[in-house]
Amino acid sequence: MRIVVFTLLLVIGMGSDPLWASAEAPGQKGISRQEAAQIAKRSPEDQVLKVEKQDTSNGPVYRVKLLGNNGRVRSVYVDALSGQLLRNHK
């Protein structure tokens, strides 16, 4: 009976990935909405109005809509994987 249980556990263990392999490599998971908002803000006075994730042909991006301290609304795009600031729109 022990041999059967041991063999069964061994076979099941061979069919699954090791724990270290199941975690995604750094940078692959991407950044959170909160991190995208912090990257997009130019100054602490900027207010985040909305953060939405969009899929583009170049990969996922966050569109962060901000209200500046000058009263103007602008959209900032942040790469959802790398956190790189992509472009600004007024």
PDB file of N, CA and C in Angstrom:
ATOM      1  N   MET A   1       0.823  -1.196   0.000  1.00  0.00           N
ATOM      2  CA  MET A   1       0.000   0.000   0.000  1.00  0.00           C
ATOM      3  C   MET A   1       0.864   1.256   0.000  1.00  0.00           C
ATOM      4  N   ARG A   2       1.937   1.252   0.801  1.00  0.00           N
ATOM      5  CA  ARG A   2       2.821   2.411   0.837  1.00  0.00           C
ATOM      6  C   ARG A   2       3.453   2.666  -0.523  1.00  0.00           C
ATOM      7  N   ILE A   3       3.800   1.603  -1.207  1.00  0.00           N
ATOM      8  CA  ILE A   3       4.423   1.748  -2.519  1.00  0.00           C
ATOM      9  C   ILE A   3       3.437   2.370  -3.499  1.00  0.00           C
ATOM     10  N   VAL A   4       2.180   1.979  -3.432  1.00  0.00           N
ATOM     11  CA  VAL A   4       1.157   2.533  -4.318  1.00  0.00           C
ATOM     12  C   VAL A   4       0.982   4.023  -4.050  1.00  0.00           C
ATOM     13  N   VAL A   5       0.888   4.399  -2.780  1.00  0.00           N
ATOM     14  CA  VAL A   5       0.716   5.809  -2.415  1.00  0.00           C
ATOM     15  C   VAL A   5       1.938   6.609  -2.846  1.00  0.00           C
ATOM     16  N   PHE A   6       3.132   6.082  -2.571  1.00  0.00           N
ATOM     17  CA  PHE A   6       4.361   6.773  -2.959  1.00  0.00           C
ATOM     18  C   PHE A   6       4.430   6.955  -4.470  1.00  0.00           C
ATOM     19  N   THR A   7       4.117   5.910  -5.221  1.00  0.00           N
ATOM     20  CA  THR A   7       4.138   5.985  -6.678  1.00  0.00           C
ATOM     21  C   THR A   7       3.119   6.993  -7.189  1.00  0.00           C
ATOM     22  N   LEU A   8       1.940   6.999  -6.605  1.00  0.00           N
ATOM     23  CA  LEU A   8       0.899   7.946  -6.997  1.00  0.00           C
ATOM     24  C   LEU A   8       1.349   9.385  -6.741  1.00  0.00           C
ATOM     25  N   LEU A   9       1.918   9.639  -5.574  1.00  0.00           N
ATOM     26  CA  LEU A   9       2.413  10.979  -5.257  1.00  0.00           C
ATOM     27  C   LEU A   9       3.545  11.390  -6.190  1.00  0.00           C
ATOM     28  N   LEU A  10       4.401  10.465  -6.520  1.00  0.00           N
ATOM     29  CA  LEU A  10       5.505  10.741  -7.427  1.00  0.00           C
ATOM     30  C   LEU A  10       4.997  11.103  -8.818  1.00  0.00           C
ATOM     31  N   VAL A  11       4.027  10.364  -9.313  1.00  0.00           N
ATOM     32  CA  VAL A  11       3.459  10.630 -10.638  1.00  0.00           C
ATOM     33  C   VAL A  11       2.739  11.976 -10.658  1.00  0.00           C
ATOM     34  N   ILE A  12       1.980  12.268  -9.617  1.00  0.00           N
ATOM     35  CA  ILE A  12       1.275  13.551  -9.541  1.00  0.00           C
ATOM     36  C   ILE A  12       2.282  14.695  -9.472  1.00  0.00           C
ATOM     37  N   GLY A  13       3.336  14.511  -8.691  1.00  0.00           N
ATOM     38  CA  GLY A  13       4.360  15.545  -8.556  1.00  0.00           C
ATOM     39  C   GLY A  13       5.100  15.812  -9.848  1.00  0.00           C
ATOM     40  N   MET A  14       5.278  14.793 -10.671  1.00  0.00           N
ATOM     41  CA  MET A  14       5.982  14.978 -11.942  1.00  0.00           C
ATOM     42  C   MET A  14       5.136  15.748 -12.943  1.00  0.00           C
ATOM     43  N   GLY A  15       3.837  15.697 -12.787  1.00  0.00           N
ATOM     44  CA  GLY A  15       2.952  16.366 -13.732  1.00  0.00           C
ATOM     45  C   GLY A  15       2.718  17.830 -13.440  1.00  0.00           C
ATOM     46  N   SER A  16       3.207  18.305 -12.302  1.00  0.00           N
ATOM     47  CA  SER A  16       2.988  19.710 -11.961  1.00  0.00           C
ATOM     48  C   SER A  16       4.304  20.469 -11.976  1.00  0.00           C
ATOM     49  N   ASP A  17       4.198  21.769 -12.145  1.00  0.00           N
ATOM     50  CA  ASP A  17       5.381  22.622 -12.132  1.00  0.00           C
ATOM     51  C   ASP A  17       5.866  22.797 -10.706  1.00  0.00           C
ATOM     52  N   PRO A  18       7.160  22.973 -10.525  1.00  0.00           N
ATOM     53  CA  PRO A  18       7.643  23.288  -9.185  1.00  0.00           C
ATOM     54  C   PRO A  18       7.131  24.653  -8.744  1.00  0.00           C
ATOM     55  N   LEU A  19       7.080  24.884  -7.446  1.00  0.00           N
ATOM     56  CA  LEU A  19       6.540  26.139  -6.933  1.00  0.00           C
ATOM     57  C   LEU A  19       7.277  27.347  -7.481  1.00  0.00           C
ATOM     58  N   TRP A  20       8.587  27.270  -7.603  1.00  0.00           N
ATOM     59  CA  TRP A  20       9.340  28.421  -8.088  1.00  0.00           C
ATOM     60  C   TRP A  20       9.048  28.709  -9.555  1.00  0.00           C
ATOM     61  N   ALA A  21       8.636  27.723 -10.313  1.00  0.00           N
ATOM     62  CA  ALA A  21       8.358  27.928 -11.734  1.00  0.00           C
ATOM     63  C   ALA A  21       6.979  28.518 -11.970  1.00  0.00           C
ATOM     64  N   SER A  22       6.078  28.394 -11.007  1.00  0.00           N
ATOM     65  CA  SER A  22       4.730  28.899 -11.212  1.00  0.00           C
ATOM     66  C   SER A  22       4.646  30.405 -11.022  1.00  0.00           C
ATOM     67  N   ALA A  23       5.592  30.974 -10.303  1.00  0.00           N
ATOM     68  CA  ALA A  23       5.598  32.429 -10.121  1.00  0.00           C
ATOM     69  C   ALA A  23       6.128  33.079 -11.387  1.00  0.00           C
ATOM     70  N   GLU A  24       5.488  34.143 -11.789  1.00  0.00           N
ATOM     71  CA  GLU A  24       5.920  34.840 -12.983  1.00  0.00           C
ATOM     72  C   GLU A  24       7.200  35.604 -12.699  1.00  0.00           C
ATOM     73  N   ALA A  25       8.008  35.736 -13.716  1.00  0.00           N
ATOM     74  CA  ALA A  25       9.252  36.479 -13.576  1.00  0.00           C
ATOM     75  C   ALA A  25       8.952  37.948 -13.319  1.00  0.00           C
ATOM     76  N   PRO A  26       9.832  38.630 -12.608  1.00  0.00           N
ATOM     77  CA  PRO A  26       9.607  40.059 -12.367  1.00  0.00           C
ATOM     78  C   PRO A  26       9.441  40.803 -13.682  1.00  0.00           C
ATOM     79  N   GLY A  27       8.476  41.714 -13.724  1.00  0.00           N
ATOM     80  CA  GLY A  27       8.224  42.464 -14.945  1.00  0.00           C
ATOM     81  C   GLY A  27       7.188  41.818 -15.843  1.00  0.00           C
ATOM     82  N   GLN A  28       6.931  40.540 -15.679  1.00  0.00           N
ATOM     83  CA  GLN A  28       5.956  39.858 -16.520  1.00  0.00           C
ATOM     84  C   GLN A  28       4.537  40.088 -16.024  1.00  0.00           C
ATOM     85  N   LYS A  29       4.376  40.212 -14.728  1.00  0.00           N
ATOM     86  CA  LYS A  29       3.047  40.383 -14.166  1.00  0.00           C
ATOM     87  C   LYS A  29       2.518  41.780 -14.444  1.00  0.00           C
ATOM     88  N   GLY A  30       3.386  42.739 -14.400  1.00  0.00           N
ATOM     89  CA  GLY A  30       2.968  44.103 -14.659  1.00  0.00           C
ATOM     90  C   GLY A  30       2.744  44.892 -13.389  1.00  0.00           C
ATOM     91  N   ILE A  31       2.179  46.064 -13.560  1.00  0.00           N
ATOM     92  CA  ILE A  31       1.966  46.973 -12.445  1.00  0.00           C
ATOM     93  C   ILE A  31       0.477  47.057 -12.129  1.00  0.00           C
ATOM     94  N   SER A  32       0.174  47.534 -10.951  1.00  0.00           N
ATOM     95  CA  SER A  32      -1.220  47.668 -10.532  1.00  0.00           C
ATOM     96  C   SER A  32      -1.784  49.008 -10.998  1.00  0.00           C
ATOM     97  N   ARG A  33      -3.090  49.168 -10.851  1.00  0.00           N
ATOM     98  CA  ARG A  33      -3.737  50.445 -11.178  1.00  0.00           C
ATOM     99  C   ARG A  33      -3.179  51.570 -10.309  1.00  0.00           C
ATOM    100  N   GLN A  34      -2.948  51.264  -9.039  1.00  0.00           N
ATOM    101  CA  GLN A  34      -2.422  52.273  -8.119  1.00  0.00           C
ATOM    102  C   GLN A  34      -1.018  52.708  -8.527  1.00  0.00           C
ATOM    103  N   GLU A  35      -0.196  51.754  -8.939  1.00  0.00           N
ATOM    104  CA  GLU A  35       1.155  52.091  -9.390  1.00  0.00           C
ATOM    105  C   GLU A  35       1.109  52.933 -10.659  1.00  0.00           C
ATOM    106  N   ALA A  36       0.208  52.597 -11.578  1.00  0.00           N
ATOM    107  CA  ALA A  36       0.063  53.385 -12.805  1.00  0.00           C
ATOM    108  C   ALA A  36      -0.350  54.814 -12.483  1.00  0.00           C
ATOM    109  N   ALA A  37      -1.241  54.980 -11.525  1.00  0.00           N
ATOM    110  CA  ALA A  37      -1.683  56.318 -11.132  1.00  0.00           C
ATOM    111  C   ALA A  37      -0.523  57.120 -10.560  1.00  0.00           C
ATOM    112  N   GLN A  38       0.303  56.502  -9.728  1.00  0.00           N
ATOM    113  CA  GLN A  38       1.448  57.206  -9.146  1.00  0.00           C
ATOM    114  C   GLN A  38       2.469  57.596 -10.209  1.00  0.00           C
ATOM    115  N   ILE A  39       2.691  56.725 -11.188  1.00  0.00           N
ATOM    116  CA  ILE A  39       3.627  57.020 -12.273  1.00  0.00           C
ATOM    117  C   ILE A  39       3.116  58.186 -13.106  1.00  0.00           C
ATOM    118  N   ALA A  40       1.808  58.238 -13.329  1.00  0.00           N
ATOM    119  CA  ALA A  40       1.210  59.252 -14.202  1.00  0.00           C
ATOM    120  C   ALA A  40       1.184  60.642 -13.575  1.00  0.00           C
ATOM    121  N   LYS A  41       1.118  60.709 -12.264  1.00  0.00           N
ATOM    122  CA  LYS A  41       1.000  62.006 -11.593  1.00  0.00           C
ATOM    123  C   LYS A  41       2.289  62.810 -11.733  1.00  0.00           C
ATOM    124  N   ARG A  42       2.157  64.065 -12.189  1.00  0.00           N
ATOM    125  CA  ARG A  42       3.314  64.962 -12.285  1.00  0.00           C
ATOM    126  C   ARG A  42       3.621  65.606 -10.947  1.00  0.00           C
ATOM    127  N   SER A  43       2.580  65.895 -10.204  1.00  0.00           N
ATOM    128  CA  SER A  43       2.768  66.539  -8.906  1.00  0.00           C
ATOM    129  C   SER A  43       1.787  65.936  -7.906  1.00  0.00           C
ATOM    130  N   PRO A  44       2.068  66.088  -6.619  1.00  0.00           N
ATOM    131  CA  PRO A  44       1.165  65.539  -5.599  1.00  0.00           C
ATOM    132  C   PRO A  44      -0.234  66.150  -5.642  1.00  0.00           C
ATOM    133  N   GLU A  45      -0.343  67.352  -6.218  1.00  0.00           N
ATOM    134  CA  GLU A  45      -1.645  68.014  -6.280  1.00  0.00           C
ATOM    135  C   GLU A  45      -2.555  67.431  -7.365  1.00  0.00           C
ATOM    136  N   ASP A  46      -1.987  66.715  -8.335  1.00  0.00           N
ATOM    137  CA  ASP A  46      -2.809  66.100  -9.380  1.00  0.00           C
ATOM    138  C   ASP A  46      -3.786  65.114  -8.748  1.00  0.00           C
ATOM    139  N   GLN A  47      -5.032  65.142  -9.239  1.00  0.00           N
ATOM    140  CA  GLN A  47      -6.050  64.219  -8.746  1.00  0.00           C
ATOM    141  C   GLN A  47      -6.338  63.169  -9.813  1.00  0.00           C
ATOM    142  N   VAL A  48      -6.337  61.914  -9.413  1.00  0.00           N
ATOM    143  CA  VAL A  48      -6.648  60.824 -10.334  1.00  0.00           C
ATOM    144  C   VAL A  48      -8.159  60.714 -10.433  1.00  0.00           C
ATOM    145  N   LEU A  49      -8.678  60.870 -11.651  1.00  0.00           N
ATOM    146  CA  LEU A  49     -10.116  60.768 -11.874  1.00  0.00           C
ATOM    147  C   LEU A  49     -10.531  59.346 -12.236  1.00  0.00           C
ATOM    148  N   LYS A  50      -9.687  58.679 -13.040  1.00  0.00           N
ATOM    149  CA  LYS A  50     -10.059  57.347 -13.533  1.00  0.00           C
ATOM    150  C   LYS A  50      -8.805  56.625 -14.014  1.00  0.00           C
ATOM    151  N   VAL A  51      -8.758  55.318 -13.786  1.00  0.00           N
ATOM    152  CA  VAL A  51      -7.691  54.469 -14.314  1.00  0.00           C
ATOM    153  C   VAL A  51      -8.357  53.278 -14.977  1.00  0.00           C
ATOM    154  N   GLU A  52      -8.077  53.085 -16.259  1.00  0.00           N
ATOM    155  CA  GLU A  52      -8.655  51.928 -16.956  1.00  0.00           C
ATOM    156  C   GLU A  52      -7.573  51.229 -17.763  1.00  0.00           C
ATOM    157  N   LYS A  53      -7.647  49.908 -17.775  1.00  0.00           N
ATOM    158  CA  LYS A  53      -6.692  49.096 -18.521  1.00  0.00           C
ATOM    159  C   LYS A  53      -7.230  48.868 -19.921  1.00  0.00           C
ATOM    160  N   GLN A  54      -6.370  49.060 -20.919  1.00  0.00           N
ATOM    161  CA  GLN A  54      -6.753  48.873 -22.313  1.00  0.00           C
ATOM    162  C   GLN A  54      -5.762  47.931 -22.980  1.00  0.00           C
ATOM    163  N   ASP A  55      -6.273  47.066 -23.843  1.00  0.00           N
ATOM    164  CA  ASP A  55      -5.411  46.199 -24.636  1.00  0.00           C
ATOM    165  C   ASP A  55      -5.170  46.864 -25.976  1.00  0.00           C
ATOM    166  N   THR A  56      -3.902  47.026 -26.336  1.00  0.00           N
ATOM    167  CA  THR A  56      -3.540  47.635 -27.614  1.00  0.00           C
ATOM    168  C   THR A  56      -2.707  46.644 -28.415  1.00  0.00           C
ATOM    169  N   SER A  57      -2.404  46.998 -29.647  1.00  0.00           N
ATOM    170  CA  SER A  57      -1.585  46.124 -30.483  1.00  0.00           C
ATOM    171  C   SER A  57      -0.160  46.008 -29.939  1.00  0.00           C
ATOM    172  N   ASN A  58       0.258  46.977 -29.132  1.00  0.00           N
ATOM    173  CA  ASN A  58       1.595  46.945 -28.532  1.00  0.00           C
ATOM    174  C   ASN A  58       1.590  46.377 -27.121  1.00  0.00           C
ATOM    175  N   GLY A  59       0.462  45.864 -26.686  1.00  0.00           N
ATOM    176  CA  GLY A  59       0.354  45.294 -25.348  1.00  0.00           C
ATOM    177  C   GLY A  59      -0.571  46.115 -24.469  1.00  0.00           C
ATOM    178  N   PRO A  60      -0.764  45.671 -23.240  1.00  0.00           N
ATOM    179  CA  PRO A  60      -1.701  46.356 -22.345  1.00  0.00           C
ATOM    180  C   PRO A  60      -1.135  47.683 -21.833  1.00  0.00           C
ATOM    181  N   VAL A  61      -2.014  48.669 -21.721  1.00  0.00           N
ATOM    182  CA  VAL A  61      -1.645  49.977 -21.174  1.00  0.00           C
ATOM    183  C   VAL A  61      -2.722  50.421 -20.192  1.00  0.00           C
ATOM    184  N   TYR A  62      -2.333  51.281 -19.270  1.00  0.00           N
ATOM    185  CA  TYR A  62      -3.288  51.947 -18.397  1.00  0.00           C
ATOM    186  C   TYR A  62      -3.489  53.361 -18.918  1.00  0.00           C
ATOM    187  N   ARG A  63      -4.746  53.763 -19.047  1.00  0.00           N
ATOM    188  CA  ARG A  63      -5.083  55.151 -19.356  1.00  0.00           C
ATOM    189  C   ARG A  63      -5.476  55.788 -18.029  1.00  0.00           C
ATOM    190  N   VAL A  64      -4.686  56.770 -17.622  1.00  0.00           N
ATOM    191  CA  VAL A  64      -4.920  57.444 -16.345  1.00  0.00           C
ATOM    192  C   VAL A  64      -5.424  58.848 -16.651  1.00  0.00           C
ATOM    193  N   LYS A  65      -6.641  59.139 -16.213  1.00  0.00           N
ATOM    194  CA  LYS A  65      -7.235  60.462 -16.411  1.00  0.00           C
ATOM    195  C   LYS A  65      -6.974  61.274 -15.151  1.00  0.00           C
ATOM    196  N   LEU A  66      -6.319  62.435 -15.335  1.00  0.00           N
ATOM    197  CA  LEU A  66      -5.904  63.270 -14.216  1.00  0.00           C
ATOM    198  C   LEU A  66      -6.516  64.658 -14.302  1.00  0.00           C
ATOM    199  N   LEU A  67      -6.776  65.240 -13.144  1.00  0.00           N
ATOM    200  CA  LEU A  67      -7.170  66.640 -13.035  1.00  0.00           C
ATOM    201  C   LEU A  67      -5.983  67.367 -12.427  1.00  0.00           C
ATOM    202  N   GLY A  68      -5.379  68.249 -13.228  1.00  0.00           N
ATOM    203  CA  GLY A  68      -4.207  68.981 -12.762  1.00  0.00           C
ATOM    204  C   GLY A  68      -4.580  70.116 -11.828  1.00  0.00           C
ATOM    205  N   ASN A  69      -3.574  70.660 -11.135  1.00  0.00           N
ATOM    206  CA  ASN A  69      -3.836  71.759 -10.213  1.00  0.00           C
ATOM    207  C   ASN A  69      -4.214  73.043 -10.948  1.00  0.00           C
ATOM    208  N   ASN A  70      -4.052  73.050 -12.277  1.00  0.00           N
ATOM    209  CA  ASN A  70      -4.479  74.182 -13.102  1.00  0.00           C
ATOM    210  C   ASN A  70      -5.926  74.034 -13.576  1.00  0.00           C
ATOM    211  N   GLY A  71      -6.603  72.951 -13.182  1.00  0.00           N
ATOM    212  CA  GLY A  71      -7.996  72.728 -13.556  1.00  0.00           C
ATOM    213  C   GLY A  71      -8.187  72.003 -14.873  1.00  0.00           C
ATOM    214  N   ARG A  72      -7.107  71.627 -15.534  1.00  0.00           N
ATOM    215  CA  ARG A  72      -7.209  70.931 -16.826  1.00  0.00           C
ATOM    216  C   ARG A  72      -7.188  69.418 -16.631  1.00  0.00           C
ATOM    217  N   VAL A  73      -7.971  68.745 -17.459  1.00  0.00           N
ATOM    218  CA  VAL A  73      -8.017  67.280 -17.447  1.00  0.00           C
ATOM    219  C   VAL A  73      -7.106  66.775 -18.558  1.00  0.00           C
ATOM    220  N   ARG A  74      -6.302  65.778 -18.234  1.00  0.00           N
ATOM    221  CA  ARG A  74      -5.431  65.179 -19.246  1.00  0.00           C
ATOM    222  C   ARG A  74      -5.399  63.669 -19.045  1.00  0.00           C
ATOM    223  N   SER A  75      -5.106  62.968 -20.126  1.00  0.00           N
ATOM    224  CA  SER A  75      -4.961  61.515 -20.071  1.00  0.00           C
ATOM    225  C   SER A  75      -3.498  61.163 -20.264  1.00  0.00           C
ATOM    226  N   VAL A  76      -3.020  60.265 -19.441  1.00  0.00           N
ATOM    227  CA  VAL A  76      -1.640  59.802 -19.496  1.00  0.00           C
ATOM    228  C   VAL A  76      -1.679  58.291 -19.686  1.00  0.00           C
ATOM    229  N   TYR A  77      -0.810  57.779 -20.540  1.00  0.00           N
ATOM    230  CA  TYR A  77      -0.774  56.347 -20.829  1.00  0.00           C
ATOM    231  C   TYR A  77       0.492  55.735 -20.240  1.00  0.00           C
ATOM    232  N   VAL A  78       0.299  54.644 -19.499  1.00  0.00           N
ATOM    233  CA  VAL A  78       1.397  53.959 -18.826  1.00  0.00           C
ATOM    234  C   VAL A  78       1.399  52.503 -19.273  1.00  0.00           C
ATOM    235  N   ASP A  79       2.563  52.007 -19.697  1.00  0.00           N
ATOM    236  CA  ASP A  79       2.692  50.605 -20.085  1.00  0.00           C
ATOM    237  C   ASP A  79       2.362  49.733 -18.875  1.00  0.00           C
ATOM    238  N   ALA A  80       1.410  48.820 -19.036  1.00  0.00           N
ATOM    239  CA  ALA A  80       0.926  48.004 -17.919  1.00  0.00           C
ATOM    240  C   ALA A  80       1.921  46.928 -17.495  1.00  0.00           C
ATOM    241  N   LEU A  81       2.894  46.609 -18.336  1.00  0.00           N
ATOM    242  CA  LEU A  81       3.888  45.603 -17.978  1.00  0.00           C
ATOM    243  C   LEU A  81       5.141  46.225 -17.381  1.00  0.00           C
ATOM    244  N   SER A  82       5.669  47.264 -18.035  1.00  0.00           N
ATOM    245  CA  SER A  82       6.938  47.848 -17.592  1.00  0.00           C
ATOM    246  C   SER A  82       6.778  49.043 -16.668  1.00  0.00           C
ATOM    247  N   GLY A  83       5.623  49.712 -16.717  1.00  0.00           N
ATOM    248  CA  GLY A  83       5.431  50.925 -15.930  1.00  0.00           C
ATOM    249  C   GLY A  83       5.983  52.163 -16.600  1.00  0.00           C
ATOM    250  N   GLN A  84       6.395  52.037 -17.848  1.00  0.00           N
ATOM    251  CA  GLN A  84       6.969  53.170 -18.577  1.00  0.00           C
ATOM    252  C   GLN A  84       5.872  54.143 -18.994  1.00  0.00           C
ATOM    253  N   LEU A  85       6.126  55.431 -18.810  1.00  0.00           N
ATOM    254  CA  LEU A  85       5.206  56.476 -19.248  1.00  0.00           C
ATOM    255  C   LEU A  85       5.272  56.540 -20.767  1.00  0.00           C
ATOM    256  N   LEU A  86       4.123  56.400 -21.442  1.00  0.00           N
ATOM    257  CA  LEU A  86       4.126  56.304 -22.896  1.00  0.00           C
ATOM    258  C   LEU A  86       3.868  57.628 -23.593  1.00  0.00           C
ATOM    259  N   ARG A  87       2.766  58.291 -23.258  1.00  0.00           N
ATOM    260  CA  ARG A  87       2.463  59.553 -23.929  1.00  0.00           C
ATOM    261  C   ARG A  87       1.406  60.301 -23.137  1.00  0.00           C
ATOM    262  N   ASN A  88       1.346  61.582 -23.373  1.00  0.00           N
ATOM    263  CA  ASN A  88       0.367  62.434 -22.700  1.00  0.00           C
ATOM    264  C   ASN A  88      -0.555  63.049 -23.738  1.00  0.00           C
ATOM    265  N   HIS A  89      -1.809  63.237 -23.371  1.00  0.00           N
ATOM    266  CA  HIS A  89      -2.787  63.921 -24.215  1.00  0.00           C
ATOM    267  C   HIS A  89      -3.421  65.015 -23.396  1.00  0.00           C
ATOM    268  N   LYS A  90      -3.662  66.149 -24.018  1.00  0.00           N
ATOM    269  CA  LYS A  90      -4.335  67.245 -23.309  1.00  0.00           C
ATOM    270  C   LYS A  90      -5.765  67.335 -23.736  1.00  0.00           C
TER     271      LYS A  90
END
